[in-house]
Amino acid sequence: MDIVKTKIPKIIGVKPIGQLSLLVMYENKDMKKFDVKPYLEQFSAFAPLADERVFNQVRTNGLGTALIWNSEIDISGYDVWEAGISRTNI
């Protein structure tokens, strides 16, 4: 069986858009809406993101491979790419 590896484009920007959602921008010009709410519901480590001031501190990790809020809260770029909704489907 062949394993197909999908190359995930680097994240070049991220913007909070309300209701625990983010607009994520990629180097290939794609944009996706990413809902963080399921992470808050499933993992207690994400609980601080319920505070809008903390949530709005989101940024890329500098390598374009993850979204980070602080030294303890991050989401992999792969997860964001796979779970994000393409801007054409928003």
N, C-alpha and C. Protein backbone atom coordinates (compact mmCIF):
# COMPACT_ATOMS: atom_id res chain seq x y z
N MET A 1 0.85 -1.18 0.00
CA MET A 1 0.00 0.00 0.00
C MET A 1 0.89 1.24 0.00
N ASP A 2 0.60 2.16 -0.89
CA ASP A 2 1.34 3.42 -0.95
C ASP A 2 0.77 4.42 0.03
N ILE A 3 1.65 5.08 0.72
CA ILE A 3 1.24 6.14 1.63
C ILE A 3 1.47 7.46 0.93
N VAL A 4 0.41 8.23 0.81
CA VAL A 4 0.51 9.54 0.16
C VAL A 4 0.69 10.59 1.24
N LYS A 5 1.77 11.33 1.14
CA LYS A 5 2.03 12.41 2.09
C LYS A 5 1.58 13.72 1.46
N THR A 6 0.73 14.41 2.16
CA THR A 6 0.27 15.71 1.70
C THR A 6 1.19 16.77 2.27
N LYS A 7 1.72 17.62 1.41
CA LYS A 7 2.55 18.72 1.88
C LYS A 7 1.63 19.84 2.32
N ILE A 8 1.74 20.18 3.58
CA ILE A 8 0.92 21.24 4.15
C ILE A 8 1.64 22.56 3.91
N PRO A 9 0.96 23.53 3.28
CA PRO A 9 1.62 24.83 3.08
C PRO A 9 1.86 25.54 4.41
N LYS A 10 2.87 26.38 4.45
CA LYS A 10 3.18 27.12 5.67
C LYS A 10 2.09 28.15 5.96
N ILE A 11 1.83 28.31 7.24
CA ILE A 11 0.90 29.33 7.70
C ILE A 11 1.64 30.66 7.73
N ILE A 12 1.08 31.66 7.06
CA ILE A 12 1.75 32.97 7.04
C ILE A 12 0.99 34.02 7.85
N GLY A 13 -0.23 33.69 8.27
CA GLY A 13 -0.99 34.65 9.07
C GLY A 13 -2.20 34.00 9.69
N VAL A 14 -2.68 34.62 10.75
CA VAL A 14 -3.87 34.13 11.42
C VAL A 14 -4.59 35.31 12.04
N LYS A 15 -5.93 35.27 11.98
CA LYS A 15 -6.74 36.37 12.49
C LYS A 15 -7.96 35.80 13.21
N PRO A 16 -8.18 36.18 14.47
CA PRO A 16 -9.41 35.77 15.15
C PRO A 16 -10.61 36.41 14.46
N ILE A 17 -11.67 35.63 14.22
CA ILE A 17 -12.85 36.17 13.54
C ILE A 17 -14.12 35.99 14.36
N GLY A 18 -13.97 35.69 15.65
CA GLY A 18 -15.14 35.59 16.52
C GLY A 18 -15.63 34.18 16.70
N GLN A 19 -16.36 33.98 17.78
CA GLN A 19 -16.98 32.70 18.11
C GLN A 19 -15.98 31.55 18.12
N LEU A 20 -14.78 31.82 18.68
CA LEU A 20 -13.72 30.83 18.78
C LEU A 20 -13.28 30.28 17.43
N SER A 21 -13.33 31.13 16.42
CA SER A 21 -12.88 30.75 15.08
C SER A 21 -11.73 31.64 14.64
N LEU A 22 -10.92 31.07 13.74
CA LEU A 22 -9.77 31.78 13.20
C LEU A 22 -9.81 31.74 11.68
N LEU A 23 -9.30 32.78 11.06
CA LEU A 23 -9.05 32.77 9.63
C LEU A 23 -7.55 32.56 9.48
N VAL A 24 -7.18 31.46 8.84
CA VAL A 24 -5.77 31.08 8.71
C VAL A 24 -5.35 31.26 7.26
N MET A 25 -4.24 31.98 7.05
CA MET A 25 -3.74 32.28 5.72
C MET A 25 -2.46 31.49 5.45
N TYR A 26 -2.35 30.95 4.24
CA TYR A 26 -1.24 30.07 3.88
C TYR A 26 -0.40 30.68 2.77
N GLU A 27 0.85 30.21 2.67
CA GLU A 27 1.78 30.72 1.67
C GLU A 27 1.30 30.48 0.24
N ASN A 28 0.46 29.49 0.02
CA ASN A 28 -0.04 29.21 -1.33
C ASN A 28 -1.31 30.00 -1.66
N LYS A 29 -1.63 30.99 -0.83
CA LYS A 29 -2.78 31.89 -0.99
C LYS A 29 -4.10 31.30 -0.52
N ASP A 30 -4.11 30.04 -0.08
CA ASP A 30 -5.33 29.46 0.50
C ASP A 30 -5.64 30.15 1.82
N MET A 31 -6.92 30.15 2.17
CA MET A 31 -7.36 30.64 3.47
C MET A 31 -8.40 29.65 3.98
N LYS A 32 -8.33 29.37 5.28
CA LYS A 32 -9.28 28.44 5.88
C LYS A 32 -9.81 29.01 7.19
N LYS A 33 -11.06 28.69 7.45
CA LYS A 33 -11.67 29.02 8.73
C LYS A 33 -11.46 27.80 9.63
N PHE A 34 -10.95 28.06 10.83
CA PHE A 34 -10.67 26.98 11.76
C PHE A 34 -11.40 27.23 13.06
N ASP A 35 -12.21 26.26 13.48
CA ASP A 35 -13.01 26.35 14.70
C ASP A 35 -12.23 25.72 15.86
N VAL A 36 -11.91 26.51 16.87
CA VAL A 36 -11.14 26.04 18.01
C VAL A 36 -12.04 25.43 19.09
N LYS A 37 -13.33 25.66 19.00
CA LYS A 37 -14.27 25.22 20.04
C LYS A 37 -14.14 23.72 20.38
N PRO A 38 -14.01 22.82 19.41
CA PRO A 38 -13.88 21.40 19.77
C PRO A 38 -12.67 21.11 20.67
N TYR A 39 -11.61 21.88 20.51
CA TYR A 39 -10.43 21.70 21.36
C TYR A 39 -10.75 22.09 22.81
N LEU A 40 -11.50 23.16 22.98
CA LEU A 40 -11.90 23.58 24.32
C LEU A 40 -12.78 22.53 24.98
N GLU A 41 -13.62 21.90 24.19
CA GLU A 41 -14.54 20.90 24.73
C GLU A 41 -13.84 19.58 25.07
N GLN A 42 -12.77 19.26 24.35
CA GLN A 42 -12.12 17.96 24.52
C GLN A 42 -10.88 17.98 25.41
N PHE A 43 -10.19 19.12 25.49
CA PHE A 43 -8.91 19.17 26.18
C PHE A 43 -8.86 20.33 27.16
N SER A 44 -8.67 20.03 28.41
CA SER A 44 -8.66 21.07 29.45
C SER A 44 -7.53 22.07 29.26
N ALA A 45 -6.45 21.69 28.61
CA ALA A 45 -5.33 22.61 28.38
C ALA A 45 -5.75 23.83 27.56
N PHE A 46 -6.82 23.70 26.77
CA PHE A 46 -7.27 24.80 25.93
C PHE A 46 -8.28 25.71 26.63
N ALA A 47 -8.65 25.40 27.87
CA ALA A 47 -9.66 26.18 28.60
C ALA A 47 -9.35 27.68 28.65
N PRO A 48 -8.10 28.10 28.80
CA PRO A 48 -7.82 29.55 28.83
C PRO A 48 -8.28 30.29 27.57
N LEU A 49 -8.43 29.58 26.46
CA LEU A 49 -8.85 30.23 25.21
C LEU A 49 -10.30 30.69 25.24
N ALA A 50 -11.06 30.26 26.23
CA ALA A 50 -12.43 30.74 26.39
C ALA A 50 -12.45 32.23 26.72
N ASP A 51 -11.35 32.73 27.25
CA ASP A 51 -11.20 34.17 27.51
C ASP A 51 -10.80 34.84 26.19
N GLU A 52 -11.64 35.71 25.69
CA GLU A 52 -11.41 36.35 24.39
C GLU A 52 -10.06 37.06 24.33
N ARG A 53 -9.63 37.66 25.43
CA ARG A 53 -8.33 38.34 25.43
C ARG A 53 -7.19 37.37 25.18
N VAL A 54 -7.28 36.19 25.76
CA VAL A 54 -6.25 35.17 25.53
C VAL A 54 -6.38 34.62 24.11
N PHE A 55 -7.60 34.31 23.70
CA PHE A 55 -7.84 33.76 22.36
C PHE A 55 -7.27 34.67 21.27
N ASN A 56 -7.44 35.97 21.44
CA ASN A 56 -7.00 36.93 20.43
C ASN A 56 -5.49 37.10 20.36
N GLN A 57 -4.74 36.46 21.24
CA GLN A 57 -3.28 36.53 21.22
C GLN A 57 -2.66 35.51 20.27
N VAL A 58 -3.47 34.81 19.51
CA VAL A 58 -2.98 33.77 18.60
C VAL A 58 -1.97 34.34 17.60
N ARG A 59 -0.99 33.52 17.26
CA ARG A 59 0.01 33.89 16.26
C ARG A 59 0.61 32.60 15.69
N THR A 60 1.39 32.72 14.65
CA THR A 60 2.09 31.54 14.12
C THR A 60 3.34 31.31 14.95
N ASN A 61 3.91 30.13 14.84
CA ASN A 61 5.10 29.80 15.61
C ASN A 61 6.39 30.31 14.98
N GLY A 62 6.31 31.06 13.91
CA GLY A 62 7.51 31.57 13.26
C GLY A 62 8.01 30.68 12.14
N LEU A 63 7.70 29.40 12.21
CA LEU A 63 8.07 28.46 11.16
C LEU A 63 6.91 28.21 10.20
N GLY A 64 5.72 28.66 10.59
CA GLY A 64 4.53 28.44 9.78
C GLY A 64 3.98 27.03 9.91
N THR A 65 4.35 26.35 10.99
CA THR A 65 3.93 24.96 11.17
C THR A 65 2.96 24.75 12.32
N ALA A 66 2.58 25.83 13.00
CA ALA A 66 1.65 25.70 14.12
C ALA A 66 1.08 27.07 14.47
N LEU A 67 -0.04 27.03 15.19
CA LEU A 67 -0.61 28.23 15.79
C LEU A 67 -0.32 28.16 17.28
N ILE A 68 0.08 29.27 17.87
CA ILE A 68 0.41 29.28 19.29
C ILE A 68 -0.26 30.46 19.98
N TRP A 69 -0.50 30.27 21.26
CA TRP A 69 -1.03 31.34 22.11
C TRP A 69 -0.02 31.70 23.19
N ASN A 70 0.60 30.70 23.76
CA ASN A 70 1.64 30.89 24.76
C ASN A 70 2.51 29.65 24.78
N SER A 71 3.37 29.53 25.76
CA SER A 71 4.29 28.38 25.79
C SER A 71 3.59 27.06 26.09
N GLU A 72 2.31 27.11 26.46
CA GLU A 72 1.59 25.89 26.82
C GLU A 72 0.46 25.53 25.87
N ILE A 73 0.03 26.46 25.03
CA ILE A 73 -1.12 26.19 24.15
C ILE A 73 -0.71 26.37 22.70
N ASP A 74 -0.86 25.30 21.91
CA ASP A 74 -0.59 25.37 20.48
C ASP A 74 -1.41 24.31 19.76
N ILE A 75 -1.54 24.51 18.46
CA ILE A 75 -2.24 23.54 17.59
C ILE A 75 -1.38 23.36 16.36
N SER A 76 -1.16 22.13 15.97
CA SER A 76 -0.30 21.85 14.82
C SER A 76 -0.91 22.36 13.52
N GLY A 77 -0.04 22.76 12.63
CA GLY A 77 -0.48 23.21 11.32
C GLY A 77 -1.21 22.12 10.56
N TYR A 78 -0.82 20.86 10.78
CA TYR A 78 -1.49 19.74 10.13
C TYR A 78 -2.95 19.68 10.57
N ASP A 79 -3.18 19.78 11.89
CA ASP A 79 -4.55 19.73 12.40
C ASP A 79 -5.39 20.89 11.86
N VAL A 80 -4.79 22.06 11.80
CA VAL A 80 -5.51 23.23 11.28
C VAL A 80 -5.85 23.03 9.82
N TRP A 81 -4.91 22.54 9.03
CA TRP A 81 -5.13 22.31 7.60
C TRP A 81 -6.23 21.28 7.37
N GLU A 82 -6.17 20.17 8.11
CA GLU A 82 -7.14 19.09 7.91
C GLU A 82 -8.55 19.45 8.38
N ALA A 83 -8.66 20.17 9.50
CA ALA A 83 -9.97 20.48 10.07
C ALA A 83 -10.53 21.81 9.57
N GLY A 84 -9.69 22.63 8.98
CA GLY A 84 -10.14 23.94 8.51
C GLY A 84 -11.09 23.82 7.32
N ILE A 85 -11.94 24.81 7.21
CA ILE A 85 -12.90 24.87 6.10
C ILE A 85 -12.38 25.88 5.09
N SER A 86 -12.21 25.44 3.87
CA SER A 86 -11.69 26.31 2.81
C SER A 86 -12.57 27.53 2.66
N ARG A 87 -11.96 28.66 2.37
CA ARG A 87 -12.72 29.92 2.25
C ARG A 87 -13.80 29.85 1.17
N THR A 88 -13.65 28.95 0.22
CA THR A 88 -14.68 28.79 -0.82
C THR A 88 -15.91 28.09 -0.26
N ASN A 89 -15.76 27.42 0.90
CA ASN A 89 -16.87 26.70 1.51
C ASN A 89 -17.43 27.40 2.73
N ILE A 90 -16.91 28.57 3.05
CA ILE A 90 -17.36 29.30 4.24
C ILE A 90 -18.69 29.98 3.97
